Amino acid sequence: MSTVFTFPGQGAQRAGMLADLPDSAAVRETVEAAEDVLSARITTLDTARALATTDNVQIALTVMGVAAARHLSEHAGPPDAVLGLSIGAWPAAVVAGAIDFEAALGLVAKRGALMGQAYPAGYGMLAILGLGENRVAGLIERAQAQGHAVHIANVNADQQIVVAGADEALDALASRANDAGARAARRLDVAVPSHCALLDMPAARLAEVAAGVSWQAPRCAYFSANARRRLWQGNVVGDDLVYNMARTVYWAQTARIVQESGYTLAIEMPPGATLTGLHPREAAGEAIAVERTGWHNTPALIRRAAQQPGR
């Protein structure tokens, strides 16, 4: 059986998450490297006040994902594949060896700053549950025809669509979605309108900053939730990362592709278990979240899976 490490996106963060990392050589080395790049203690990112800003959230999630994956790799071996949602694609690429951690962290800091500066207030994201992509697209078209700044951002599951845009547009869309029969329409803990054309300009500016970065071919399978396929070349991974803030996330389709490729044990890096809940129901194998199975049990499950037939 083959394992895939999955990495959550913005909205999964919580105060104190970095303090919950285990005390291991891999974690200590990752934290020390991050503090050298940031010229600050990681503990300063681990508060509710710090995590209220887009740049701090993205830095913290990147450190969290890389540290967690390195710890598990140290105790149970590296993953066979990686897949990240939004900012989660950055630690996924680091773990796959497509970019150095220090270089990635510098770009992530710039990424968050550009996104926050472009939309310091008045924008966000809304999750609509119980309506499919086509029905939500119809609501979006009506809203755009009326001059509202709103776009489809994430297709996380067949009946879970995330939209991004201005606050007033999201409020109006939530009301229309409820009238159309949605189970729920909930604002996410994301302060910027990610994964749509509203971020084309910040993405272009990040591409300029990243022009001199060295990208390598991934050591393990790297799947892109934006491209909906496996990426093999370092420069293609780089393009995927730099521009993913402005590209739609197709998590449901990509997760199915990963499972159909034979990666049948999905392990979600902390924080949270959102991606585990989105695991395709029809897929073989299982999905687990480190925060639920624990730091001690998860490596044991990885080793057990590696001994099963079909690897």
Protein backbone atom coordinates (compact mmCIF):
# COMPACT_ATOMS: atom_id res chain seq x y z
CA MET A 1 0.00 0.00 0.00
CA SER A 2 1.27 3.49 -0.84
CA THR A 3 0.87 6.57 1.32
CA VAL A 4 0.06 10.15 0.40
CA PHE A 5 0.61 13.04 2.80
CA THR A 6 -2.05 15.74 2.48
CA PHE A 7 -1.62 19.33 3.67
CA PRO A 8 -4.53 21.61 4.64
CA GLY A 9 -5.08 25.17 3.52
CA GLN A 10 -5.90 28.45 5.20
CA GLY A 11 -8.84 28.19 7.54
CA ALA A 12 -7.48 25.10 9.32
CA GLN A 13 -5.21 27.18 11.58
CA ARG A 14 -5.70 27.48 15.34
CA ALA A 15 -3.80 29.17 18.12
CA GLY A 16 -1.29 26.86 19.82
CA MET A 17 -0.95 24.44 16.91
CA LEU A 18 2.82 24.88 16.60
CA ALA A 19 3.26 24.25 20.32
CA ASP A 20 1.62 20.85 19.81
CA LEU A 21 4.37 19.64 17.48
CA PRO A 22 6.33 16.73 18.98
CA ASP A 23 9.82 17.25 20.35
CA SER A 24 11.97 15.48 17.77
CA ALA A 25 15.16 16.24 15.86
CA ALA A 26 13.22 16.76 12.64
CA VAL A 27 10.84 19.25 14.24
CA ARG A 28 13.61 21.14 16.03
CA GLU A 29 15.67 21.46 12.85
CA THR A 30 12.65 22.70 10.90
CA VAL A 31 11.73 25.27 13.53
CA GLU A 32 15.32 26.51 13.81
CA ALA A 33 15.55 26.90 10.03
CA ALA A 34 12.26 28.80 9.97
CA GLU A 35 13.37 31.14 12.75
CA ASP A 36 16.57 31.88 10.85
CA VAL A 37 14.61 32.81 7.73
CA LEU A 38 12.03 34.87 9.59
CA SER A 39 14.40 36.41 12.15
CA ALA A 40 11.70 35.74 14.75
CA ARG A 41 10.64 33.07 17.18
CA ILE A 42 7.99 30.68 15.90
CA THR A 43 6.03 31.20 19.11
CA THR A 44 5.16 34.70 17.90
CA LEU A 45 3.07 33.11 15.12
CA ASP A 46 1.19 30.77 17.43
CA THR A 47 -1.36 33.15 18.95
CA ALA A 48 -4.88 34.06 17.92
CA ARG A 49 -3.81 37.65 17.38
CA ALA A 50 -0.93 36.68 15.09
CA LEU A 51 -3.09 34.26 13.12
CA ALA A 52 -5.55 37.02 12.33
CA THR A 53 -3.31 38.13 9.46
CA THR A 54 -3.00 36.31 6.14
CA ASP A 55 0.80 36.34 5.99
CA ASN A 56 1.24 34.88 9.48
CA VAL A 57 -1.32 32.16 8.83
CA GLN A 58 0.39 31.04 5.65
CA ILE A 59 3.85 31.02 7.23
CA ALA A 60 2.58 29.08 10.25
CA LEU A 61 0.80 26.47 8.13
CA THR A 62 3.90 25.98 6.01
CA VAL A 63 6.12 25.45 9.05
CA MET A 64 3.51 23.15 10.58
CA GLY A 65 3.17 21.01 7.47
CA VAL A 66 6.88 20.62 6.83
CA ALA A 67 7.73 19.91 10.47
CA ALA A 68 4.93 17.34 10.82
CA ALA A 69 5.83 15.54 7.60
CA ARG A 70 9.53 15.46 8.45
CA HIS A 71 8.75 14.03 11.89
CA LEU A 72 6.62 11.25 10.39
CA SER A 73 9.24 10.56 7.72
CA GLU A 74 11.90 10.31 10.41
CA HIS A 75 9.88 7.69 12.28
CA ALA A 76 8.15 5.78 9.47
CA GLY A 77 9.75 6.72 6.15
CA PRO A 78 8.89 9.35 3.54
CA PRO A 79 5.56 9.49 1.71
CA ASP A 80 5.04 8.04 -1.75
CA ALA A 81 3.03 11.09 -2.81
CA VAL A 82 1.97 14.54 -1.59
CA LEU A 83 -1.09 16.71 -2.19
CA GLY A 84 -1.81 20.12 -0.70
CA LEU A 85 -4.81 22.44 -0.70
CA SER A 86 -4.00 26.09 -1.45
CA ILE A 87 -1.13 27.15 0.85
CA GLY A 88 -0.82 23.44 1.69
CA ALA A 89 0.74 22.91 -1.74
CA TRP A 90 3.86 24.75 -0.52
CA PRO A 91 4.81 22.39 2.33
CA ALA A 92 3.83 19.52 0.01
CA ALA A 93 6.38 20.73 -2.54
CA VAL A 94 9.06 21.09 0.14
CA VAL A 95 8.47 17.53 1.36
CA ALA A 96 8.62 16.32 -2.25
CA GLY A 97 11.99 18.05 -2.68
CA ALA A 98 10.81 20.43 -5.42
CA ILE A 99 12.00 23.49 -3.47
CA ASP A 100 14.18 24.10 -0.42
CA PHE A 101 12.32 24.86 2.80
CA GLU A 102 14.09 28.17 3.33
CA ALA A 103 13.34 29.38 -0.20
CA ALA A 104 9.73 28.25 0.07
CA LEU A 105 9.24 30.03 3.39
CA GLY A 106 10.57 33.28 1.98
CA LEU A 107 8.16 33.08 -0.95
CA VAL A 108 5.26 32.11 1.32
CA ALA A 109 5.90 35.19 3.46
CA LYS A 110 5.84 37.33 0.31
CA ARG A 111 2.74 35.50 -0.96
CA GLY A 112 0.78 36.22 2.19
CA ALA A 113 1.90 39.83 2.27
CA LEU A 114 0.88 40.42 -1.36
CA MET A 115 -2.54 38.85 -0.80
CA GLY A 116 -3.16 40.82 2.38
CA GLN A 117 -2.04 44.10 0.82
CA ALA A 118 -4.28 43.58 -2.21
CA TYR A 119 -7.35 42.96 -0.05
CA PRO A 120 -6.77 44.29 3.47
CA ALA A 121 -10.49 44.26 4.32
CA GLY A 122 -13.94 43.68 2.91
CA TYR A 123 -13.33 40.34 1.19
CA GLY A 124 -13.33 36.66 2.10
CA MET A 125 -14.64 33.20 1.27
CA LEU A 126 -17.89 31.32 1.73
CA ALA A 127 -18.50 27.56 1.77
CA ILE A 128 -21.80 26.37 0.30
CA LEU A 129 -22.87 22.87 1.32
CA GLY A 130 -25.57 20.85 -0.37
CA LEU A 131 -25.42 22.37 -3.85
CA GLY A 132 -23.34 21.07 -6.75
CA GLU A 133 -20.89 23.04 -8.85
CA ASN A 134 -23.34 23.71 -11.68
CA ARG A 135 -26.01 25.12 -9.38
CA VAL A 136 -23.52 27.34 -7.58
CA ALA A 137 -22.13 28.48 -10.94
CA GLY A 138 -25.64 29.57 -11.88
CA LEU A 139 -25.93 31.65 -8.72
CA ILE A 140 -22.50 33.14 -9.42
CA GLU A 141 -23.50 34.13 -12.96
CA ARG A 142 -26.57 35.94 -11.65
CA ALA A 143 -24.52 37.75 -9.05
CA GLN A 144 -21.84 38.78 -11.55
CA ALA A 145 -24.51 40.03 -13.96
CA GLN A 146 -25.63 42.36 -11.18
CA GLY A 147 -22.10 43.69 -10.75
CA HIS A 148 -21.06 41.62 -7.70
CA ALA A 149 -17.40 40.62 -7.31
CA VAL A 150 -17.73 36.88 -6.59
CA HIS A 151 -16.18 33.74 -8.10
CA ILE A 152 -16.02 29.97 -7.59
CA ALA A 153 -12.78 29.25 -5.74
CA ASN A 154 -12.77 25.62 -4.53
CA VAL A 155 -14.66 22.51 -5.57
CA ASN A 156 -13.84 20.60 -2.39
CA ALA A 157 -16.49 17.91 -2.79
CA ASP A 158 -19.42 17.23 -5.07
CA GLN A 159 -21.69 19.10 -2.68
CA GLN A 160 -19.20 21.50 -1.09
CA ILE A 161 -18.30 24.53 -3.17
CA VAL A 162 -16.31 27.50 -1.87
CA VAL A 163 -16.76 30.94 -3.39
CA ALA A 164 -14.61 34.06 -2.99
CA GLY A 165 -15.42 37.73 -3.26
CA ALA A 166 -16.51 40.93 -1.57
CA ASP A 167 -18.34 40.70 1.75
CA GLU A 168 -21.62 42.12 0.46
CA ALA A 169 -21.54 39.78 -2.53
CA LEU A 170 -20.93 36.78 -0.28
CA ASP A 171 -23.78 37.79 2.04
CA ALA A 172 -26.16 38.07 -0.88
CA LEU A 173 -24.96 34.77 -2.35
CA ALA A 174 -25.40 33.00 0.99
CA SER A 175 -29.02 34.11 1.09
CA ARG A 176 -29.65 32.94 -2.47
CA ALA A 177 -27.93 29.61 -1.80
CA ASN A 178 -30.13 29.00 1.23
CA ASP A 179 -33.22 29.83 -0.82
CA ALA A 180 -31.99 27.34 -3.47
CA GLY A 181 -31.87 24.54 -0.89
CA ALA A 182 -28.30 24.58 0.41
CA ARG A 183 -27.77 22.77 3.70
CA ALA A 184 -25.54 25.59 4.90
CA ALA A 185 -23.63 28.64 3.71
CA ARG A 186 -20.75 29.43 6.06
CA ARG A 187 -18.05 32.08 6.01
CA LEU A 188 -14.53 30.68 6.29
CA ASP A 189 -11.71 31.98 8.46
CA VAL A 190 -9.98 33.43 5.39
CA ALA A 191 -9.63 37.19 4.99
CA VAL A 192 -8.82 37.33 1.26
CA PRO A 193 -10.64 36.18 -1.92
CA SER A 194 -8.36 33.29 -2.84
CA HIS A 195 -8.34 31.08 -5.94
CA CYS A 196 -9.96 33.39 -8.43
CA ALA A 197 -9.14 36.17 -10.88
CA LEU A 198 -9.19 38.77 -8.09
CA LEU A 199 -5.68 37.59 -7.22
CA ASP A 200 -4.22 37.64 -10.72
CA MET A 201 -2.12 40.73 -9.98
CA PRO A 202 -0.60 39.49 -6.68
CA ALA A 203 0.21 36.18 -8.38
CA ALA A 204 2.02 37.97 -11.20
CA ARG A 205 4.03 39.97 -8.67
CA LEU A 206 4.96 36.78 -6.78
CA ALA A 207 6.13 35.26 -10.07
CA GLU A 208 8.56 38.17 -10.46
CA VAL A 209 9.95 37.56 -6.97
CA ALA A 210 10.28 33.81 -7.65
CA ALA A 211 12.04 34.26 -10.99
CA GLY A 212 15.46 33.38 -9.56
CA VAL A 213 14.37 30.42 -7.43
CA SER A 214 15.75 26.98 -8.21
CA TRP A 215 13.13 24.26 -8.68
CA GLN A 216 13.86 20.53 -8.74
CA ALA A 217 11.94 17.53 -10.04
CA PRO A 218 9.92 16.06 -7.14
CA ARG A 219 11.42 13.01 -5.41
CA CYS A 220 7.97 11.56 -4.86
CA ALA A 221 4.69 12.00 -6.71
CA TYR A 222 3.49 15.61 -6.50
CA PHE A 223 -0.19 16.07 -7.30
CA SER A 224 -1.65 19.51 -8.03
CA ALA A 225 -5.19 20.25 -6.86
CA ASN A 226 -5.28 23.14 -9.33
CA ALA A 227 -4.02 21.26 -12.40
CA ARG A 228 -5.85 18.07 -11.35
CA ARG A 229 -2.90 15.84 -12.24
CA ARG A 230 0.57 14.75 -11.23
CA LEU A 231 3.36 17.21 -12.03
CA TRP A 232 6.78 15.82 -12.91
CA GLN A 233 9.02 18.80 -13.68
CA GLY A 234 10.41 21.27 -11.17
CA ASN A 235 9.60 24.39 -13.17
CA VAL A 236 6.02 23.19 -13.66
CA VAL A 237 5.67 22.69 -9.91
CA GLY A 238 7.02 26.21 -9.46
CA ASP A 239 4.41 27.66 -11.80
CA ASP A 240 1.73 25.69 -9.96
CA LEU A 241 2.80 27.11 -6.59
CA VAL A 242 3.31 30.71 -7.64
CA TYR A 243 -0.02 31.04 -9.40
CA ASN A 244 -2.18 28.76 -7.25
CA MET A 245 -3.55 31.71 -5.26
CA ALA A 246 -5.43 32.79 -8.42
CA ARG A 247 -6.43 29.35 -9.74
CA THR A 248 -9.47 27.28 -8.81
CA VAL A 249 -8.91 24.34 -6.46
CA TYR A 250 -10.44 21.04 -7.60
CA TRP A 251 -9.86 18.99 -4.49
CA ALA A 252 -12.58 16.38 -5.06
CA GLN A 253 -11.40 15.48 -8.56
CA THR A 254 -7.73 15.44 -7.61
CA ALA A 255 -8.30 13.29 -4.53
CA ARG A 256 -10.05 10.74 -6.73
CA ILE A 257 -7.15 10.79 -9.20
CA VAL A 258 -4.69 10.19 -6.36
CA GLN A 259 -6.66 7.24 -5.03
CA GLU A 260 -7.11 5.77 -8.51
CA SER A 261 -3.32 5.99 -8.92
CA GLY A 262 -2.87 3.52 -6.07
CA TYR A 263 -2.09 5.78 -3.11
CA THR A 264 -4.53 4.22 -0.73
CA LEU A 265 -3.50 5.57 2.70
CA ALA A 266 -4.03 9.34 2.96
CA ILE A 267 -2.50 11.00 6.03
CA GLU A 268 -3.52 14.57 6.76
CA MET A 269 -0.89 16.76 8.34
CA PRO A 270 -2.08 18.97 11.20
CA PRO A 271 -3.87 21.14 12.02
CA GLY A 272 -7.36 19.70 11.76
CA ALA A 273 -9.05 16.93 9.83
CA THR A 274 -10.87 18.84 7.08
CA LEU A 275 -9.21 16.98 4.21
CA THR A 276 -9.86 13.62 5.85
CA GLY A 277 -13.55 14.50 5.84
CA LEU A 278 -13.34 15.21 2.11
CA HIS A 279 -11.79 11.82 1.29
CA PRO A 280 -13.72 10.23 -1.62
CA ARG A 281 -16.25 7.84 -0.16
CA GLU A 282 -15.94 5.42 -3.05
CA ALA A 283 -12.14 5.25 -2.78
CA ALA A 284 -10.30 2.17 -1.61
CA GLY A 285 -8.12 2.38 1.47
CA GLU A 286 -8.53 4.90 4.23
CA ALA A 287 -7.84 8.48 5.25
CA ILE A 288 -6.55 9.49 8.67
CA ALA A 289 -5.61 12.77 10.32
CA VAL A 290 -2.58 13.05 12.58
CA GLU A 291 -4.54 15.13 15.08
CA ARG A 292 -6.99 12.25 15.50
CA THR A 293 -4.66 9.25 15.42
CA GLY A 294 -1.84 10.91 17.37
CA TRP A 295 1.89 11.33 16.90
CA HIS A 296 2.63 7.88 18.33
CA ASN A 297 0.02 5.88 16.42
CA THR A 298 0.40 7.50 13.00
CA PRO A 299 3.94 6.22 12.29
CA ALA A 300 2.80 2.75 13.32
CA LEU A 301 -0.08 2.93 10.83
CA ILE A 302 2.31 4.04 8.07
CA ARG A 303 4.67 1.13 8.78
CA ARG A 304 1.77 -1.32 8.88
CA ALA A 305 0.47 -0.04 5.54
CA ALA A 306 3.91 -0.42 3.98
CA GLN A 307 3.88 -4.13 4.85
CA GLN A 308 0.53 -4.80 3.23
CA PRO A 309 0.26 -6.29 -0.29
CA GLY A 310 -0.12 -3.95 -3.23
CA ARG A 311 2.73 -1.55 -2.45
